PDB file of N, CA and C in Angstrom:
ATOM      1  N   MET A   1     -10.111  12.066   6.437  1.00  0.00           N
ATOM      2  CA  MET A   1     -11.128  12.714   6.598  1.00  0.00           C
ATOM      3  C   MET A   1     -12.444  11.815   6.953  1.00  0.00           C
ATOM      4  N   ALA A   2     -12.028  10.567   6.753  1.00  0.00           N
ATOM      5  CA  ALA A   2     -12.567   9.559   7.495  1.00  0.00           C
ATOM      6  C   ALA A   2     -13.335  10.164   8.650  1.00  0.00           C
ATOM      7  N   LEU A   3     -12.340  10.440   9.619  1.00  0.00           N
ATOM      8  CA  LEU A   3     -12.665  10.411  10.802  1.00  0.00           C
ATOM      9  C   LEU A   3     -13.219  11.932  11.202  1.00  0.00           C
ATOM     10  N   MET A   4     -13.699  12.767  10.496  1.00  0.00           N
ATOM     11  CA  MET A   4     -14.328  13.862  10.040  1.00  0.00           C
ATOM     12  C   MET A   4     -15.784  13.456  10.346  1.00  0.00           C
ATOM     13  N   LEU A   5     -16.118  12.219   9.589  1.00  0.00           N
ATOM     14  CA  LEU A   5     -17.808  11.313   9.741  1.00  0.00           C
ATOM     15  C   LEU A   5     -18.036  11.232  11.338  1.00  0.00           C
ATOM     16  N   THR A   6     -17.164  10.891  12.241  1.00  0.00           N
ATOM     17  CA  THR A   6     -17.712  10.592  13.426  1.00  0.00           C
ATOM     18  C   THR A   6     -18.295  12.062  14.384  1.00  0.00           C
ATOM     19  N   ASN A   7     -17.393  12.947  13.565  1.00  0.00           N
ATOM     20  CA  ASN A   7     -18.152  14.108  14.232  1.00  0.00           C
ATOM     21  C   ASN A   7     -19.672  14.902  13.906  1.00  0.00           C
ATOM     22  N   LEU A   8     -20.609  13.859  12.668  1.00  0.00           N
ATOM     23  CA  LEU A   8     -21.809  13.606  12.304  1.00  0.00           C
ATOM     24  C   LEU A   8     -22.510  12.926  13.181  1.00  0.00           C
ATOM     25  N   PRO A   9     -23.327  13.431  14.055  1.00  0.00           N
ATOM     26  CA  PRO A   9     -24.417  12.870  14.897  1.00  0.00           C
ATOM     27  C   PRO A   9     -25.701  11.932  14.034  1.00  0.00           C
ATOM     28  N   SER A  10     -25.923  12.217  12.782  1.00  0.00           N
ATOM     29  CA  SER A  10     -26.965  11.734  12.061  1.00  0.00           C
ATOM     30  C   SER A  10     -25.932  10.494  11.688  1.00  0.00           C
ATOM     31  N   LEU A  11     -24.506  10.471  11.707  1.00  0.00           N
ATOM     32  CA  LEU A  11     -24.551   8.948  10.503  1.00  0.00           C
ATOM     33  C   LEU A  11     -24.505   7.906  12.455  1.00  0.00           C
ATOM     34  N   GLY A  12     -24.196   8.329  13.225  1.00  0.00           N
ATOM     35  CA  GLY A  12     -24.068   7.329  14.317  1.00  0.00           C
ATOM     36  C   GLY A  12     -23.031   6.699  14.390  1.00  0.00           C
ATOM     37  N   ASP A  13     -23.724   4.949  14.298  1.00  0.00           N
ATOM     38  CA  ASP A  13     -22.643   4.329  14.359  1.00  0.00           C
ATOM     39  C   ASP A  13     -22.372   3.964  12.691  1.00  0.00           C
ATOM     40  N   SER A  14     -22.805   3.955  11.647  1.00  0.00           N
ATOM     41  CA  SER A  14     -22.187   4.174  10.505  1.00  0.00           C
ATOM     42  C   SER A  14     -20.663   4.562  10.682  1.00  0.00           C
ATOM     43  N   ALA A  15     -20.554   5.614  11.032  1.00  0.00           N
ATOM     44  CA  ALA A  15     -18.999   6.863  11.106  1.00  0.00           C
ATOM     45  C   ALA A  15     -18.083   5.642  11.241  1.00  0.00           C
ATOM     46  N   LEU A  16     -18.510   5.011  12.426  1.00  0.00           N
ATOM     47  CA  LEU A  16     -17.756   3.837  13.214  1.00  0.00           C
ATOM     48  C   LEU A  16     -16.980   3.269  12.097  1.00  0.00           C
ATOM     49  N   LEU A  17     -18.619   2.247  11.599  1.00  0.00           N
ATOM     50  CA  LEU A  17     -17.966   0.913  10.684  1.00  0.00           C
ATOM     51  C   LEU A  17     -17.243   1.744   9.432  1.00  0.00           C
ATOM     52  N   VAL A  18     -17.472   3.046   8.802  1.00  0.00           N
ATOM     53  CA  VAL A  18     -16.600   3.074   7.868  1.00  0.00           C
ATOM     54  C   VAL A  18     -15.259   3.880   8.129  1.00  0.00           C
ATOM     55  N   VAL A  19     -14.752   4.242   9.085  1.00  0.00           N
ATOM     56  CA  VAL A  19     -13.314   4.416   9.816  1.00  0.00           C
ATOM     57  C   VAL A  19     -13.074   3.361  10.084  1.00  0.00           C
ATOM     58  N   ASN A  20     -13.255   1.870  10.749  1.00  0.00           N
ATOM     59  CA  ASN A  20     -12.864   0.523  10.203  1.00  0.00           C
ATOM     60  C   ASN A  20     -12.496   0.167   9.228  1.00  0.00           C
ATOM     61  N   ILE A  21     -13.997   0.202   8.200  1.00  0.00           N
ATOM     62  CA  ILE A  21     -13.317  -0.381   6.881  1.00  0.00           C
ATOM     63  C   ILE A  21     -12.280   0.200   5.973  1.00  0.00           C
ATOM     64  N   ILE A  22     -12.224   1.487   6.124  1.00  0.00           N
ATOM     65  CA  ILE A  22     -10.752   2.090   5.790  1.00  0.00           C
ATOM     66  C   ILE A  22      -9.672   1.840   6.349  1.00  0.00           C
ATOM     67  N   THR A  23      -9.575   2.065   7.788  1.00  0.00           N
ATOM     68  CA  THR A  23      -8.169   1.632   8.287  1.00  0.00           C
ATOM     69  C   THR A  23      -7.823   0.444   7.640  1.00  0.00           C
ATOM     70  N   ALA A  24      -8.909  -0.586   7.713  1.00  0.00           N
ATOM     71  CA  ALA A  24      -8.313  -2.009   7.468  1.00  0.00           C
ATOM     72  C   ALA A  24      -8.146  -2.042   5.852  1.00  0.00           C
ATOM     73  N   SER A  25      -8.524  -1.301   5.383  1.00  0.00           N
ATOM     74  CA  SER A  25      -8.197  -1.575   3.670  1.00  0.00           C
ATOM     75  C   SER A  25      -6.848  -0.880   3.065  1.00  0.00           C
ATOM     76  N   THR A  26      -6.999   0.093   4.018  1.00  0.00           N
ATOM     77  CA  THR A  26      -5.536   0.929   3.692  1.00  0.00           C
ATOM     78  C   THR A  26      -4.314   0.181   4.483  1.00  0.00           C
ATOM     79  N   ILE A  27      -4.555  -0.600   5.460  1.00  0.00           N
ATOM     80  CA  ILE A  27      -3.434  -1.424   6.234  1.00  0.00           C
ATOM     81  C   ILE A  27      -3.124  -3.094   5.052  1.00  0.00           C
ATOM     82  N   LEU A  28      -4.116  -3.625   4.417  1.00  0.00           N
ATOM     83  CA  LEU A  28      -4.057  -4.757   3.951  1.00  0.00           C
ATOM     84  C   LEU A  28      -3.432  -3.930   2.199  1.00  0.00           C
ATOM     85  N   THR A  29      -3.897  -2.714   1.887  1.00  0.00           N
ATOM     86  CA  THR A  29      -2.966  -2.254   0.672  1.00  0.00           C
ATOM     87  C   THR A  29      -1.702  -2.089   0.934  1.00  0.00           C
ATOM     88  N   GLU A  30      -1.098  -0.940   1.961  1.00  0.00           N
ATOM     89  CA  GLU A  30       0.325  -0.883   2.229  1.00  0.00           C
ATOM     90  C   GLU A  30       1.149  -1.934   2.218  1.00  0.00           C
ATOM     91  N   THR A  31      -0.020  -3.391   2.863  1.00  0.00           N
ATOM     92  CA  THR A  31       1.273  -4.443   3.158  1.00  0.00           C
ATOM     93  C   THR A  31       1.393  -5.690   2.253  1.00  0.00           C
ATOM     94  N   LEU A  32       0.162  -5.964   1.220  1.00  0.00           N
ATOM     95  CA  LEU A  32       0.128  -6.871   0.560  1.00  0.00           C
ATOM     96  C   LEU A  32       0.556  -6.218  -0.962  1.00  0.00           C
ATOM     97  N   GLY A  33      -0.067  -4.788  -0.690  1.00  0.00           N
ATOM     98  CA  GLY A  33       0.879  -3.804  -1.995  1.00  0.00           C
ATOM     99  C   GLY A  33       2.323  -4.167  -2.681  1.00  0.00           C
ATOM    100  N   ALA A  34       3.290  -4.134  -1.460  1.00  0.00           N
ATOM    101  CA  ALA A  34       4.224  -4.339  -1.286  1.00  0.00           C
ATOM    102  C   ALA A  34       4.869  -5.417  -1.611  1.00  0.00           C
ATOM    103  N   VAL A  35       4.196  -6.187  -1.338  1.00  0.00           N
ATOM    104  CA  VAL A  35       4.606  -7.815  -1.282  1.00  0.00           C
ATOM    105  C   VAL A  35       4.660  -8.384  -3.048  1.00  0.00           C
ATOM    106  N   ALA A  36       3.230  -7.601  -3.385  1.00  0.00           N
ATOM    107  CA  ALA A  36       2.818  -8.271  -4.316  1.00  0.00           C
ATOM    108  C   ALA A  36       3.674  -7.518  -5.596  1.00  0.00           C
ATOM    109  N   THR A  37       3.901  -6.220  -5.592  1.00  0.00           N
ATOM    110  CA  THR A  37       5.202  -5.616  -6.290  1.00  0.00           C
ATOM    111  C   THR A  37       5.984  -6.056  -6.437  1.00  0.00           C
ATOM    112  N   ARG A  38       7.003  -6.791  -5.403  1.00  0.00           N
ATOM    113  CA  ARG A  38       8.688  -7.539  -5.870  1.00  0.00           C
ATOM    114  C   ARG A  38       7.760  -8.681  -6.359  1.00  0.00           C
ATOM    115  N   PHE A  39       6.762  -8.995  -5.546  1.00  0.00           N
ATOM    116  CA  PHE A  39       6.661 -10.578  -6.764  1.00  0.00           C
ATOM    117  C   PHE A  39       6.660 -10.110  -8.145  1.00  0.00           C
ATOM    118  N   GLY A  40       5.976  -9.084  -8.462  1.00  0.00           N
ATOM    119  CA  GLY A  40       5.585  -8.523  -9.950  1.00  0.00           C
ATOM    120  C   GLY A  40       7.178  -8.524 -10.515  1.00  0.00           C
ATOM    121  N   LEU A  41       8.271  -7.969  -9.825  1.00  0.00           N
ATOM    122  CA  LEU A  41       9.664  -7.264 -10.254  1.00  0.00           C
ATOM    123  C   LEU A  41      10.367  -8.461 -10.553  1.00  0.00           C
ATOM    124  N   ALA A  42       9.943  -9.557  -9.255  1.00  0.00           N
ATOM    125  CA  ALA A  42      11.022 -10.871  -9.792  1.00  0.00           C
ATOM    126  C   ALA A  42      10.300 -11.669 -10.936  1.00  0.00           C
ATOM    127  N   ARG A  43       9.379 -11.818 -10.584  1.00  0.00           N
ATOM    128  CA  ARG A  43       8.882 -12.779 -11.939  1.00  0.00           C
ATOM    129  C   ARG A  43       9.130 -11.765 -13.808  1.00  0.00           C
ATOM    130  N   ALA A  44       9.581 -10.525 -13.618  1.00  0.00           N
ATOM    131  CA  ALA A  44       9.799  -9.790 -14.925  1.00  0.00           C
ATOM    132  C   ALA A  44      11.187 -10.150 -15.048  1.00  0.00           C
ATOM    133  N   GLY A  45      11.647 -10.342 -14.303  1.00  0.00           N
ATOM    134  CA  GLY A  45      13.376 -10.524 -13.758  1.00  0.00           C
ATOM    135  C   GLY A  45      13.814  -8.662 -13.925  1.00  0.00           C
ATOM    136  N   GLU A  46      12.899  -8.244 -12.999  1.00  0.00           N
ATOM    137  CA  GLU A  46      13.579  -6.928 -12.936  1.00  0.00           C
ATOM    138  C   GLU A  46      14.599  -5.987 -11.859  1.00  0.00           C
ATOM    139  N   LEU A  47      14.384  -7.148 -10.881  1.00  0.00           N
ATOM    140  CA  LEU A  47      15.372  -7.028  -9.330  1.00  0.00           C
ATOM    141  C   LEU A  47      16.511  -7.224 -10.034  1.00  0.00           C
ATOM    142  N   GLY A  48      17.917  -6.230  -9.039  1.00  0.00           N
ATOM    143  CA  GLY A  48      18.682  -6.555  -9.211  1.00  0.00           C
ATOM    144  C   GLY A  48      19.062  -5.845 -10.594  1.00  0.00           C
ATOM    145  N   GLN A  49      18.625  -5.444 -11.395  1.00  0.00           N
ATOM    146  CA  GLN A  49      18.750  -4.594 -12.891  1.00  0.00           C
ATOM    147  C   GLN A  49      19.968  -3.217 -11.952  1.00  0.00           C
ATOM    148  N   ALA A  50      19.305  -2.234 -11.282  1.00  0.00           N
ATOM    149  CA  ALA A  50      20.564  -1.373 -11.080  1.00  0.00           C
ATOM    150  C   ALA A  50      22.117  -1.484 -10.498  1.00  0.00           C
ATOM    151  N   VAL A  51      21.945  -2.617 -10.278  1.00  0.00           N
ATOM    152  CA  VAL A  51      23.368  -3.197  -9.766  1.00  0.00           C
ATOM    153  C   VAL A  51      24.265  -3.595 -10.760  1.00  0.00           C
ATOM    154  N   ASP A  52      23.323  -4.256 -11.422  1.00  0.00           N
ATOM    155  CA  ASP A  52      24.053  -4.535 -13.103  1.00  0.00           C
ATOM    156  C   ASP A  52      24.403  -3.719 -13.716  1.00  0.00           C
ATOM    157  N   ASN A  53      23.567  -2.369 -13.728  1.00  0.00           N
ATOM    158  CA  ASN A  53      24.150  -1.236 -14.540  1.00  0.00           C
ATOM    159  C   ASN A  53      25.169  -0.390 -14.131  1.00  0.00           C
ATOM    160  N   GLN A  54      25.575  -0.584 -12.979  1.00  0.00           N
ATOM    161  CA  GLN A  54      26.284   0.318 -11.905  1.00  0.00           C
ATOM    162  C   GLN A  54      27.998  -0.549 -12.485  1.00  0.00           C
ATOM    163  N   GLU A  55      27.543  -1.501 -12.457  1.00  0.00           N
ATOM    164  CA  GLU A  55      29.006  -2.567 -12.321  1.00  0.00           C
ATOM    165  C   GLU A  55      29.554  -1.918 -13.718  1.00  0.00           C
ATOM    166  N   ARG A  56      28.583  -1.927 -15.125  1.00  0.00           N
ATOM    167  CA  ARG A  56      28.972  -1.710 -16.090  1.00  0.00           C
ATOM    168  C   ARG A  56      29.584  -0.118 -16.691  1.00  0.00           C
ATOM    169  N   VAL A  57      28.931   0.492 -15.766  1.00  0.00           N
ATOM    170  CA  VAL A  57      29.695   1.781 -15.880  1.00  0.00           C
ATOM    171  C   VAL A  57      31.086   1.876 -15.124  1.00  0.00           C
ATOM    172  N   SER A  58      31.070   1.200 -14.097  1.00  0.00           N
ATOM    173  CA  SER A  58      32.705   1.254 -13.359  1.00  0.00           C
ATOM    174  C   SER A  58      33.563   0.373 -14.037  1.00  0.00           C
ATOM    175  N   LYS A  59      32.882  -0.179 -15.023  1.00  0.00           N
ATOM    176  CA  LYS A  59      34.930  -1.146 -15.930  1.00  0.00           C
ATOM    177  C   LYS A  59      35.039  -0.402 -16.623  1.00  0.00           C
TER     178      LYS A  59
END
């Protein structure tokens, strides 16, 4: 949707600025969000729970 702004001549250079901001924020969210989620799961002690449950079922 942000790329559609580049077709509006009334926005001019502002459209390019908006596209760059949206692209940068998406990249940061996708990379830092995954790392933060893993960190949070590790602090909560929830990593490795699926393996433990599967071992209990097979015994």
